Amino acid sequence: MPEFQPPNPVMVSPVSPMPMFPFPVLPKPMLPVPVLPMPMFALPRLKSPMLALPRLKSPMLALPRL
């Protein structure tokens, strides 16, 4: 029992954040918003000054990306 307890919290820690991190990756099918609305997002992505600017010129995305 004492051996199961240490690995439990340790395994749960890396396992919990794992599914939480890929949230945008795993819930893709669950959140077909960015997947289904591709045509809808494609417009705001290419013409949306909010997504186009922050995506191509966003100092936050441009810096970490470069």
N, C-alpha and C. Protein backbone atom coordinates (compact mmCIF):
# COMPACT_ATOMS: atom_id res chain seq x y z
N MET A 1 0.84 -1.22 0.00
CA MET A 1 0.00 0.00 0.00
C MET A 1 0.87 1.27 0.00
N PRO A 2 1.91 1.29 0.83
CA PRO A 2 2.77 2.49 0.91
C PRO A 2 3.52 2.68 -0.42
N GLU A 3 3.74 1.58 -1.12
CA GLU A 3 4.45 1.70 -2.41
C GLU A 3 3.52 2.22 -3.49
N PHE A 4 2.26 1.91 -3.34
CA PHE A 4 1.27 2.34 -4.34
C PHE A 4 0.95 3.82 -4.17
N GLN A 5 1.04 4.27 -2.94
CA GLN A 5 0.68 5.67 -2.66
C GLN A 5 1.67 6.65 -3.30
N PRO A 6 2.95 6.44 -3.15
CA PRO A 6 3.95 7.37 -3.73
C PRO A 6 3.84 7.44 -5.26
N PRO A 7 3.75 6.30 -5.92
CA PRO A 7 3.65 6.32 -7.39
C PRO A 7 2.31 6.90 -7.83
N ASN A 8 1.32 6.77 -7.00
CA ASN A 8 -0.02 7.29 -7.35
C ASN A 8 0.04 8.81 -7.53
N PRO A 9 0.45 9.55 -6.53
CA PRO A 9 0.51 11.02 -6.60
C PRO A 9 1.53 11.46 -7.65
N VAL A 10 2.56 10.71 -7.80
CA VAL A 10 3.61 11.07 -8.77
C VAL A 10 3.10 10.85 -10.19
N MET A 11 2.40 9.73 -10.37
CA MET A 11 1.87 9.40 -11.71
C MET A 11 0.67 10.29 -12.03
N VAL A 12 -0.07 10.60 -11.00
CA VAL A 12 -1.29 11.44 -11.20
C VAL A 12 -0.86 12.86 -11.57
N SER A 13 0.24 13.29 -11.02
CA SER A 13 0.72 14.67 -11.29
C SER A 13 1.05 14.85 -12.78
N PRO A 14 1.92 14.03 -13.31
CA PRO A 14 2.32 14.12 -14.72
C PRO A 14 1.17 13.74 -15.64
N VAL A 15 0.30 12.88 -15.16
CA VAL A 15 -0.83 12.42 -16.01
C VAL A 15 -1.92 13.49 -16.03
N SER A 16 -2.10 14.16 -14.93
CA SER A 16 -3.15 15.19 -14.84
C SER A 16 -2.81 16.38 -15.75
N PRO A 17 -1.63 16.94 -15.63
CA PRO A 17 -1.21 18.09 -16.44
C PRO A 17 -1.09 17.69 -17.92
N MET A 18 -0.83 16.44 -18.17
CA MET A 18 -0.69 15.99 -19.57
C MET A 18 -1.99 16.21 -20.33
N PRO A 19 -3.09 15.66 -19.82
CA PRO A 19 -4.39 15.82 -20.48
C PRO A 19 -4.84 17.28 -20.43
N MET A 20 -4.39 17.97 -19.42
CA MET A 20 -4.78 19.38 -19.27
C MET A 20 -4.03 20.23 -20.31
N PHE A 21 -2.78 19.88 -20.54
CA PHE A 21 -1.97 20.65 -21.50
C PHE A 21 -2.48 20.45 -22.93
N PRO A 22 -2.64 19.19 -23.33
CA PRO A 22 -3.15 18.89 -24.68
C PRO A 22 -4.63 19.21 -24.78
N PHE A 23 -5.13 19.91 -23.79
CA PHE A 23 -6.57 20.28 -23.78
C PHE A 23 -7.00 20.74 -25.17
N PRO A 24 -6.22 21.66 -25.77
CA PRO A 24 -6.55 22.17 -27.12
C PRO A 24 -6.27 21.11 -28.18
N VAL A 25 -5.52 20.09 -27.79
CA VAL A 25 -5.18 19.04 -28.77
C VAL A 25 -6.14 17.86 -28.66
N LEU A 26 -6.41 17.46 -27.42
CA LEU A 26 -7.31 16.31 -27.20
C LEU A 26 -8.77 16.71 -27.44
N PRO A 27 -9.19 17.79 -26.81
CA PRO A 27 -10.58 18.26 -26.96
C PRO A 27 -10.83 18.80 -28.37
N LYS A 28 -9.92 18.55 -29.27
CA LYS A 28 -10.12 19.03 -30.65
C LYS A 28 -11.46 18.51 -31.18
N PRO A 29 -11.66 17.20 -31.06
CA PRO A 29 -12.93 16.61 -31.52
C PRO A 29 -14.08 17.09 -30.65
N MET A 30 -13.78 17.34 -29.39
CA MET A 30 -14.82 17.81 -28.46
C MET A 30 -15.15 19.28 -28.78
N LEU A 31 -14.10 20.04 -29.06
CA LEU A 31 -14.30 21.46 -29.39
C LEU A 31 -14.04 21.66 -30.88
N PRO A 32 -14.93 21.16 -31.70
CA PRO A 32 -14.76 21.30 -33.15
C PRO A 32 -14.90 22.75 -33.57
N VAL A 33 -14.84 23.64 -32.62
CA VAL A 33 -14.98 25.07 -32.95
C VAL A 33 -13.84 25.49 -33.88
N PRO A 34 -12.58 25.21 -33.49
CA PRO A 34 -11.44 25.55 -34.33
C PRO A 34 -11.26 24.55 -35.47
N VAL A 35 -11.95 23.43 -35.39
CA VAL A 35 -11.78 22.38 -36.42
C VAL A 35 -12.91 22.48 -37.46
N LEU A 36 -14.14 22.54 -36.98
CA LEU A 36 -15.29 22.62 -37.91
C LEU A 36 -15.40 24.03 -38.50
N PRO A 37 -15.36 25.02 -37.63
CA PRO A 37 -15.44 26.42 -38.09
C PRO A 37 -14.17 26.82 -38.81
N MET A 38 -13.48 25.90 -39.37
CA MET A 38 -12.25 26.23 -40.10
C MET A 38 -12.52 27.35 -41.11
N PRO A 39 -13.57 27.21 -41.91
CA PRO A 39 -13.91 28.26 -42.88
C PRO A 39 -14.24 29.56 -42.15
N MET A 40 -14.87 29.41 -41.01
CA MET A 40 -15.23 30.61 -40.23
C MET A 40 -13.97 31.22 -39.61
N PHE A 41 -13.07 30.34 -39.16
CA PHE A 41 -11.83 30.82 -38.54
C PHE A 41 -10.82 31.23 -39.62
N ALA A 42 -10.98 30.65 -40.78
CA ALA A 42 -10.05 30.95 -41.89
C ALA A 42 -10.19 32.43 -42.26
N LEU A 43 -11.41 32.92 -42.26
CA LEU A 43 -11.64 34.34 -42.61
C LEU A 43 -11.00 35.25 -41.55
N PRO A 44 -11.33 35.04 -40.29
CA PRO A 44 -10.77 35.87 -39.22
C PRO A 44 -9.27 35.62 -39.10
N ARG A 45 -8.82 34.51 -39.54
CA ARG A 45 -7.39 34.17 -39.43
C ARG A 45 -6.63 34.96 -40.50
N LEU A 46 -7.17 35.03 -41.68
CA LEU A 46 -6.46 35.72 -42.77
C LEU A 46 -6.85 37.20 -42.84
N LYS A 47 -8.09 37.50 -42.49
CA LYS A 47 -8.54 38.92 -42.60
C LYS A 47 -8.83 39.53 -41.23
N SER A 48 -8.93 38.70 -40.22
CA SER A 48 -9.23 39.27 -38.88
C SER A 48 -8.00 40.03 -38.38
N PRO A 49 -8.11 41.32 -38.22
CA PRO A 49 -6.98 42.13 -37.74
C PRO A 49 -6.58 41.69 -36.34
N MET A 50 -7.53 41.09 -35.64
CA MET A 50 -7.26 40.65 -34.25
C MET A 50 -6.44 39.37 -34.26
N LEU A 51 -6.74 38.47 -35.19
CA LEU A 51 -6.02 37.18 -35.25
C LEU A 51 -4.82 37.30 -36.20
N ALA A 52 -4.98 38.08 -37.24
CA ALA A 52 -3.91 38.21 -38.24
C ALA A 52 -2.74 39.00 -37.64
N LEU A 53 -3.06 40.08 -36.96
CA LEU A 53 -2.00 40.92 -36.37
C LEU A 53 -1.28 40.17 -35.25
N PRO A 54 -2.02 39.68 -34.27
CA PRO A 54 -1.40 38.98 -33.14
C PRO A 54 -0.74 37.69 -33.62
N ARG A 55 -1.19 37.16 -34.71
CA ARG A 55 -0.61 35.88 -35.17
C ARG A 55 0.69 36.15 -35.95
N LEU A 56 0.70 37.12 -36.83
CA LEU A 56 1.89 37.37 -37.66
C LEU A 56 2.76 38.47 -37.04
N LYS A 57 2.13 39.43 -36.38
CA LYS A 57 2.93 40.54 -35.83
C LYS A 57 2.88 40.58 -34.30
N SER A 58 2.09 39.72 -33.72
CA SER A 58 1.99 39.72 -32.25
C SER A 58 3.39 39.55 -31.65
N PRO A 59 3.86 40.51 -30.91
CA PRO A 59 5.20 40.42 -30.29
C PRO A 59 5.26 39.23 -29.34
N MET A 60 4.09 38.83 -28.85
CA MET A 60 4.03 37.70 -27.90
C MET A 60 4.21 36.39 -28.65
N LEU A 61 3.62 36.30 -29.84
CA LEU A 61 3.71 35.05 -30.63
C LEU A 61 4.92 35.10 -31.55
N ALA A 62 5.25 36.29 -32.01
CA ALA A 62 6.38 36.45 -32.94
C ALA A 62 7.70 36.21 -32.20
N LEU A 63 7.81 36.74 -31.00
CA LEU A 63 9.05 36.57 -30.22
C LEU A 63 9.27 35.11 -29.84
N PRO A 64 8.28 34.50 -29.19
CA PRO A 64 8.43 33.09 -28.77
C PRO A 64 8.54 32.18 -29.99
N ARG A 65 7.95 32.60 -31.09
CA ARG A 65 7.99 31.76 -32.30
C ARG A 65 9.39 31.87 -32.93
N LEU A 66 9.92 33.08 -32.97
CA LEU A 66 11.25 33.28 -33.59
C LEU A 66 12.31 32.94 -32.55
